[in-house]
Protein backbone atom coordinates (compact mmCIF):
# COMPACT_ATOMS: atom_id res chain seq x y z
CA MET A 1 107.26 -8.01 -7.83
CA GLN A 2 108.12 -7.32 -3.45
CA MET A 3 106.93 -3.72 -2.87
CA HIS A 4 107.27 -2.29 0.33
CA GLN A 5 104.87 -0.39 1.65
CA LYS A 6 103.96 3.50 0.55
CA ARG A 7 105.44 5.88 2.73
CA GLU A 8 105.43 9.46 2.78
CA ILE A 9 108.98 11.98 2.41
CA THR A 10 110.47 15.09 1.52
CA ILE A 11 113.61 15.08 -0.12
CA ARG A 12 115.39 17.87 -1.71
CA GLY A 13 117.01 17.46 -4.13
CA THR A 14 117.94 18.03 -8.72
CA VAL A 15 115.83 17.84 -11.17
CA LEU A 16 117.83 14.92 -13.07
CA PRO A 17 116.41 13.40 -16.77
CA ALA A 18 116.20 9.63 -16.45
CA GLU A 19 114.89 8.50 -20.17
CA TRP A 20 115.11 9.71 -23.30
CA ASP A 21 113.69 8.57 -26.85
CA ARG A 22 115.04 8.23 -29.54
CA HIS A 23 114.87 11.45 -30.83
CA GLY A 24 116.79 12.55 -27.31
CA HIS A 25 114.00 14.43 -25.44
CA VAL A 26 113.36 13.43 -21.82
CA THR A 27 110.67 11.71 -21.05
CA SER A 28 111.25 10.21 -17.23
CA ILE A 29 112.79 12.44 -14.68
CA GLY A 30 113.85 11.61 -11.29
CA ILE A 31 115.23 13.37 -8.33
CA GLY A 32 118.56 12.32 -7.11
CA THR A 33 119.64 13.79 -3.24
CA GLU A 34 122.87 14.47 -2.81
CA GLU A 35 123.02 11.22 -0.11
CA ASP A 36 123.43 9.79 -4.24
CA GLN A 37 119.81 8.83 -4.01
CA GLU A 38 117.51 8.40 -6.82
CA TYR A 39 113.55 8.63 -6.93
CA ILE A 40 111.80 8.48 -10.13
CA ILE A 41 109.34 11.04 -10.11
CA PHE A 42 105.97 9.96 -11.28
CA LEU A 43 104.09 11.22 -13.92
CA ASP A 44 100.92 12.23 -13.05
CA LYS A 45 99.66 16.04 -13.16
CA ILE A 46 102.07 17.27 -10.59
CA GLY A 47 105.19 14.90 -11.98
CA GLU A 48 104.59 16.39 -15.56
CA LYS A 49 105.30 20.07 -13.59
CA LEU A 50 108.31 18.96 -12.62
CA PHE A 51 109.92 18.47 -16.61
CA LYS A 52 110.71 22.60 -16.54
CA PHE A 53 113.05 22.20 -13.65
CA VAL A 54 115.34 19.38 -14.70
CA ASP A 55 119.07 20.56 -13.47
CA ARG A 56 117.42 22.50 -10.89
CA LYS A 57 116.74 22.10 -7.07
CA VAL A 58 114.09 21.30 -5.50
CA GLU A 59 111.93 20.31 -2.42
CA ALA A 60 109.45 17.88 -2.91
CA THR A 61 106.60 15.84 -0.77
CA GLY A 62 105.37 12.94 -1.82
CA THR A 63 105.08 8.93 -1.24
CA VAL A 64 107.02 6.71 -2.70
CA LYS A 65 107.02 3.62 -2.98
CA HIS A 66 109.89 0.21 -4.20
CA VAL A 67 109.51 -0.71 -7.20
CA TYR A 68 111.25 -3.13 -8.85
CA GLY A 69 114.48 -2.06 -7.51
CA ASP A 70 114.14 1.65 -8.16
CA PHE A 71 111.80 4.40 -5.67
CA VAL A 72 108.83 5.92 -7.00
CA LEU A 73 107.81 9.12 -6.31
CA THR A 74 104.38 10.75 -6.19
CA VAL A 75 104.64 14.05 -6.15
CA ASN A 76 101.52 15.93 -4.01
CA ASN A 77 103.77 19.03 -3.29
CA TYR A 78 106.81 20.92 -4.57
CA LYS A 79 109.12 24.03 -3.85
CA LEU A 80 111.88 25.85 -6.33
CA LEU A 81 115.19 26.04 -4.19
CA ALA A 82 117.79 28.90 -3.95
CA ASP A 83 121.17 27.22 -4.79
CA ASP A 84 122.33 28.20 -1.56
CA ASP A 85 119.20 26.41 0.36
CA GLU A 86 120.52 22.76 -0.41
CA GLU A 87 123.86 23.22 0.94
CA GLU A 88 122.90 24.31 4.82
């Protein structure tokens, strides 16, 4: 496995379900950006708070690393965006 160095970024996008259990419950989430990039959210205390914002637009800042072909974002802080904020 090749891992790139961690780096801090700020992204804007929509919180999306990434994985489900056999009962259809969301078990993993990501943020999809307008540039068609998806960041899987690391599920620590802050990351788990984003579950309540599925299908909502957010701005998130955190540390990203490349793991097994995915970008994994450990969120340091986030804010909910109004729909109009994303389209600027």
